[in-house]
C-alpha atoms as a PDB file:
ATOM      1  CA  MET A   1      74.285-122.616 -86.435  1.00  0.00           C
ATOM      2  CA  LYS A   2      71.654-123.389 -83.646  1.00  0.00           C
ATOM      3  CA  ARG A   3      70.554-126.941 -82.651  1.00  0.00           C
ATOM      4  CA  GLY A   4      67.133-127.617 -81.817  1.00  0.00           C
ATOM      5  CA  PRO A   5      65.750-130.459 -79.511  1.00  0.00           C
ATOM      6  CA  GLY A   6      67.278-133.713 -79.794  1.00  0.00           C
ATOM      7  CA  GLU A   7      69.932-132.980 -82.089  1.00  0.00           C
ATOM      8  CA  ASP A   8      73.058-134.282 -81.760  1.00  0.00           C
ATOM      9  CA  TRP A   9      76.326-132.418 -81.823  1.00  0.00           C
ATOM     10  CA  ARG A  10      77.472-135.185 -84.523  1.00  0.00           C
ATOM     11  CA  MET A  11      74.669-134.353 -86.847  1.00  0.00           C
ATOM     12  CA  MET A  12      76.584-130.353 -86.923  1.00  0.00           C
ATOM     13  CA  THR A  13      79.197-131.658 -87.792  1.00  0.00           C
ATOM     14  CA  MET A  14      79.290-133.878 -90.410  1.00  0.00           C
ATOM     15  CA  SER A  15      77.214-134.738 -93.553  1.00  0.00           C
ATOM     16  CA  TYR A  16      75.412-137.880 -93.730  1.00  0.00           C
ATOM     17  CA  GLU A  17      73.783-138.743 -97.166  1.00  0.00           C
ATOM     18  CA  ARG A  18      70.812-140.771 -97.045  1.00  0.00           C
ATOM     19  CA  MET A  19      69.719-142.978 -99.758  1.00  0.00           C
ATOM     20  CA  LEU A  20      67.631-140.710-101.863  1.00  0.00           C
ATOM     21  CA  ASP A  21      67.040-142.019-105.113  1.00  0.00           C
ATOM     22  CA  GLY A  22      63.362-143.421-105.271  1.00  0.00           C
ATOM     23  CA  GLU A  23      63.236-144.713-108.335  1.00  0.00           C
ATOM     24  CA  THR A  24      65.732-147.115-107.363  1.00  0.00           C
ATOM     25  CA  GLU A  25      65.325-149.928-104.240  1.00  0.00           C
ATOM     26  CA  PRO A  26      68.591-150.901-102.451  1.00  0.00           C
ATOM     27  CA  THR A  27      69.288-154.271-101.793  1.00  0.00           C
ATOM     28  CA  GLN A  28      70.956-155.479 -98.059  1.00  0.00           C
ATOM     29  CA  ASP A  29      74.097-155.214 -99.915  1.00  0.00           C
ATOM     30  CA  ASP A  30      73.435-151.627-101.322  1.00  0.00           C
ATOM     31  CA  MET A  31      72.260-150.736 -97.552  1.00  0.00           C
ATOM     32  CA  LEU A  32      75.431-152.997 -95.887  1.00  0.00           C
ATOM     33  CA  ASN A  33      77.814-150.966 -98.044  1.00  0.00           C
ATOM     34  CA  THR A  34      76.353-147.343 -97.765  1.00  0.00           C
ATOM     35  CA  VAL A  35      76.546-147.663 -93.993  1.00  0.00           C
ATOM     36  CA  GLY A  36      80.254-148.430 -94.335  1.00  0.00           C
ATOM     37  CA  GLU A  37      82.382-148.246 -91.436  1.00  0.00           C
ATOM     38  CA  CYS A  38      79.049-148.673 -88.944  1.00  0.00           C
ATOM     39  CA  ALA A  39      77.923-151.989 -90.740  1.00  0.00           C
ATOM     40  CA  GLY A  40      79.115-154.059 -87.743  1.00  0.00           C
ATOM     41  CA  LEU A  41      76.059-151.827 -85.560  1.00  0.00           C
ATOM     42  CA  TRP A  42      73.583-152.184 -88.170  1.00  0.00           C
ATOM     43  CA  LEU A  43      74.308-156.074 -88.741  1.00  0.00           C
ATOM     44  CA  ASP A  44      74.050-156.395 -84.778  1.00  0.00           C
ATOM     45  CA  LEU A  45      71.092-154.406 -84.451  1.00  0.00           C
ATOM     46  CA  LEU A  46      69.477-156.477 -87.408  1.00  0.00           C
ATOM     47  CA  GLU A  47      70.471-159.561 -86.096  1.00  0.00           C
ATOM     48  CA  TYR A  48      68.705-158.394 -82.530  1.00  0.00           C
ATOM     49  CA  LEU A  49      65.561-157.364 -84.395  1.00  0.00           C
ATOM     50  CA  GLU A  50      65.406-160.953 -85.953  1.00  0.00           C
ATOM     51  CA  THR A  51      65.921-163.221 -83.278  1.00  0.00           C
ATOM     52  CA  HIS A  52      63.828-161.296 -80.269  1.00  0.00           C
ATOM     53  CA  TYR A  53      60.996-159.725 -82.589  1.00  0.00           C
ATOM     54  CA  ASP A  54      58.741-160.935 -85.075  1.00  0.00           C
ATOM     55  CA  HIS A  55      58.312-157.819 -86.587  1.00  0.00           C
ATOM     56  CA  VAL A  56      58.333-158.326 -90.395  1.00  0.00           C
ATOM     57  CA  PRO A  57      61.021-155.901 -91.853  1.00  0.00           C
ATOM     58  CA  GLU A  58      59.890-153.457 -94.465  1.00  0.00           C
ATOM     59  CA  LEU A  59      61.546-151.742 -97.158  1.00  0.00           C
ATOM     60  CA  ASP A  60      59.787-147.877 -97.167  1.00  0.00           C
ATOM     61  CA  PHE A  61      61.125-144.907 -98.969  1.00  0.00           C
ATOM     62  CA  GLY A  62      60.037-141.833 -96.370  1.00  0.00           C
ATOM     63  CA  GLY A  63      60.171-138.979 -99.299  1.00  0.00           C
ATOM     64  CA  LYS A  64      62.917-137.131-100.528  1.00  0.00           C
ATOM     65  CA  LYS A  65      64.117-135.831 -96.786  1.00  0.00           C
ATOM     66  CA  TYR A  66      64.734-139.383 -95.131  1.00  0.00           C
ATOM     67  CA  GLY A  67      65.090-141.969 -98.349  1.00  0.00           C
ATOM     68  CA  TRP A  68      65.332-145.896 -98.100  1.00  0.00           C
ATOM     69  CA  GLY A  69      64.915-147.539 -94.512  1.00  0.00           C
ATOM     70  CA  ILE A  70      63.723-150.447 -92.899  1.00  0.00           C
ATOM     71  CA  ARG A  71      60.754-150.254 -91.089  1.00  0.00           C
ATOM     72  CA  TYR A  72      59.781-153.051 -88.611  1.00  0.00           C
ATOM     73  CA  ARG A  73      56.251-153.139 -87.909  1.00  0.00           C
ATOM     74  CA  LYS A  74      53.259-155.372 -86.480  1.00  0.00           C
ATOM     75  CA  SER A  75      49.675-154.509 -86.201  1.00  0.00           C
ATOM     76  CA  GLY A  76      50.033-151.277 -87.657  1.00  0.00           C
ATOM     77  CA  LYS A  77      52.596-150.313 -84.974  1.00  0.00           C
ATOM     78  CA  THR A  78      56.238-149.254 -85.583  1.00  0.00           C
ATOM     79  CA  LEU A  79      58.848-150.715 -83.434  1.00  0.00           C
ATOM     80  CA  ILE A  80      62.338-148.798 -85.239  1.00  0.00           C
ATOM     81  CA  THR A  81      62.619-147.501 -88.363  1.00  0.00           C
ATOM     82  CA  LEU A  82      66.270-147.547 -89.646  1.00  0.00           C
ATOM     83  CA  LEU A  83      67.755-145.093 -92.135  1.00  0.00           C
ATOM     84  CA  PRO A  84      70.784-146.269 -94.026  1.00  0.00           C
ATOM     85  CA  GLU A  85      73.238-143.259 -94.045  1.00  0.00           C
ATOM     86  CA  THR A  86      76.774-142.553 -96.178  1.00  0.00           C
ATOM     87  CA  GLY A  87      78.654-143.929 -93.111  1.00  0.00           C
ATOM     88  CA  ALA A  88      76.237-144.269 -90.390  1.00  0.00           C
ATOM     89  CA  PHE A  89      72.332-145.039 -89.880  1.00  0.00           C
ATOM     90  CA  THR A  90      69.871-143.246 -87.880  1.00  0.00           C
ATOM     91  CA  ALA A  91      67.637-145.461 -85.759  1.00  0.00           C
ATOM     92  CA  LEU A  92      64.010-143.836 -85.326  1.00  0.00           C
ATOM     93  CA  VAL A  93      62.282-144.939 -82.200  1.00  0.00           C
ATOM     94  CA  VAL A  94      59.647-142.633 -81.097  1.00  0.00           C
ATOM     95  CA  LEU A  95      58.127-143.457 -77.448  1.00  0.00           C
ATOM     96  CA  GLY A  96      55.040-142.656 -76.033  1.00  0.00           C
ATOM     97  CA  GLY A  97      54.338-141.218 -72.340  1.00  0.00           C
ATOM     98  CA  LYS A  98      53.955-145.069 -70.932  1.00  0.00           C
ATOM     99  CA  GLU A  99      57.188-146.242 -72.840  1.00  0.00           C
ATOM    100  CA  MET A 100      58.487-142.561 -71.263  1.00  0.00           C
ATOM    101  CA  GLU A 101      58.005-143.371 -67.713  1.00  0.00           C
ATOM    102  CA  LYS A 102      59.510-147.156 -68.350  1.00  0.00           C
ATOM    103  CA  VAL A 103      62.813-145.123 -69.942  1.00  0.00           C
ATOM    104  CA  GLN A 104      63.276-142.946 -66.331  1.00  0.00           C
ATOM    105  CA  ALA A 105      64.083-146.421 -64.658  1.00  0.00           C
ATOM    106  CA  LEU A 106      66.691-147.180 -67.041  1.00  0.00           C
ATOM    107  CA  LEU A 107      68.354-143.758 -68.198  1.00  0.00           C
ATOM    108  CA  ASP A 108      71.409-144.849 -65.762  1.00  0.00           C
ATOM    109  CA  GLU A 109      71.637-147.472 -68.021  1.00  0.00           C
ATOM    110  CA  LEU A 110      71.642-145.575 -71.351  1.00  0.00           C
ATOM    111  CA  SER A 111      74.862-144.391 -73.157  1.00  0.00           C
ATOM    112  CA  PRO A 112      75.213-140.667 -72.454  1.00  0.00           C
ATOM    113  CA  GLU A 113      74.586-139.862 -76.102  1.00  0.00           C
ATOM    114  CA  VAL A 114      71.182-141.679 -75.522  1.00  0.00           C
ATOM    115  CA  ARG A 115      70.705-140.240 -72.334  1.00  0.00           C
ATOM    116  CA  THR A 116      71.134-136.363 -73.412  1.00  0.00           C
ATOM    117  CA  LEU A 117      69.304-137.000 -76.740  1.00  0.00           C
ATOM    118  CA  ILE A 118      65.833-138.423 -74.470  1.00  0.00           C
ATOM    119  CA  GLU A 119      66.474-135.516 -72.276  1.00  0.00           C
ATOM    120  CA  ASN A 120      66.466-132.995 -74.710  1.00  0.00           C
ATOM    121  CA  THR A 121      64.066-134.031 -77.321  1.00  0.00           C
ATOM    122  CA  GLN A 122      60.440-132.646 -77.074  1.00  0.00           C
ATOM    123  CA  GLN A 123      57.570-134.964 -76.141  1.00  0.00           C
ATOM    124  CA  LEU A 124      54.733-134.480 -78.673  1.00  0.00           C
ATOM    125  CA  HIS A 125      51.098-135.379 -78.622  1.00  0.00           C
ATOM    126  CA  ASP A 126      52.277-138.412 -80.894  1.00  0.00           C
ATOM    127  CA  GLY A 127      55.253-139.656 -78.529  1.00  0.00           C
ATOM    128  CA  ARG A 128      58.913-138.599 -78.221  1.00  0.00           C
ATOM    129  CA  TRP A 129      60.996-138.915 -81.655  1.00  0.00           C
ATOM    130  CA  LEU A 130      64.373-140.110 -80.914  1.00  0.00           C
ATOM    131  CA  TRP A 131      66.284-140.092 -84.094  1.00  0.00           C
ATOM    132  CA  ILE A 132      69.874-142.094 -82.828  1.00  0.00           C
ATOM    133  CA  ARG A 133      72.892-141.925 -84.999  1.00  0.00           C
ATOM    134  CA  PRO A 134      74.956-144.605 -83.614  1.00  0.00           C
ATOM    135  CA  ARG A 135      78.425-144.527 -83.162  1.00  0.00           C
ATOM    136  CA  CYS A 136      79.707-147.254 -80.658  1.00  0.00           C
ATOM    137  CA  GLU A 137      77.992-150.591 -78.863  1.00  0.00           C
ATOM    138  CA  ALA A 138      77.143-148.518 -75.439  1.00  0.00           C
ATOM    139  CA  ASP A 139      74.574-146.790 -78.574  1.00  0.00           C
ATOM    140  CA  ILE A 140      73.092-150.105 -80.058  1.00  0.00           C
ATOM    141  CA  THR A 141      72.526-151.670 -76.046  1.00  0.00           C
ATOM    142  CA  SER A 142      71.103-148.543 -75.455  1.00  0.00           C
ATOM    143  CA  ILE A 143      68.716-148.574 -78.663  1.00  0.00           C
ATOM    144  CA  LYS A 144      68.009-152.527 -77.840  1.00  0.00           C
ATOM    145  CA  ALA A 145      67.159-151.356 -74.044  1.00  0.00           C
ATOM    146  CA  LEU A 146      64.455-148.346 -75.537  1.00  0.00           C
ATOM    147  CA  LEU A 147      62.660-151.237 -77.893  1.00  0.00           C
ATOM    148  CA  GLY A 148      62.520-153.244 -74.595  1.00  0.00           C
ATOM    149  CA  THR A 149      59.586-150.895 -73.681  1.00  0.00           C
ATOM    150  CA  LYS A 150      58.090-150.664 -76.444  1.00  0.00           C
ATOM    151  CA  ARG A 151      57.745-154.321 -76.593  1.00  0.00           C
ATOM    152  CA  ARG A 152      59.290-156.877 -74.435  1.00  0.00           C
ATOM    153  CA  PRO A 153      61.549-159.115 -76.831  1.00  0.00           C
ATOM    154  CA  ARG A 154      61.641-162.469 -76.755  1.00  0.00           C
ATOM    155  CA  GLU A 155      64.191-164.997 -75.710  1.00  0.00           C
ATOM    156  CA  GLY A 156      66.538-165.515 -78.857  1.00  0.00           C
ATOM    157  CA  LYS A 157      66.594-168.345 -81.746  1.00  0.00           C
ATOM    158  CA  HIS A 158      69.612-170.328 -80.658  1.00  0.00           C
END
């Protein structure tokens, strides 16, 4: 099977099912149970978003292909979209040209998987769409760094 630009090898070897029932709005517990073994990573990222950004999370159904997710938006601009999957989740981060200039300076600090994904994802007219499936804390740290190129995080609440 041929891989396209930005497709991670894990996407090719494992099947991750998203929450595709558009009739049933999932609860936070439903999403947590769905991500399963990645619940710690999921909660880490949610807590970071809550404490460092004032974006309001919106539950969103992205259709039969993407299913339910949580989108963090402010003033019509999306910071990140999180899509729960069976035993995993995907974080969609879209980086425009200005953000990609900032990312170039961060490449050495990113996890090898995220760095490879960035290098292999095509820049489109509306940005570079990074579909990141975090599998370890280094991937979460990389996502946080990418978000910092889109919008500066505020100091965390104590």
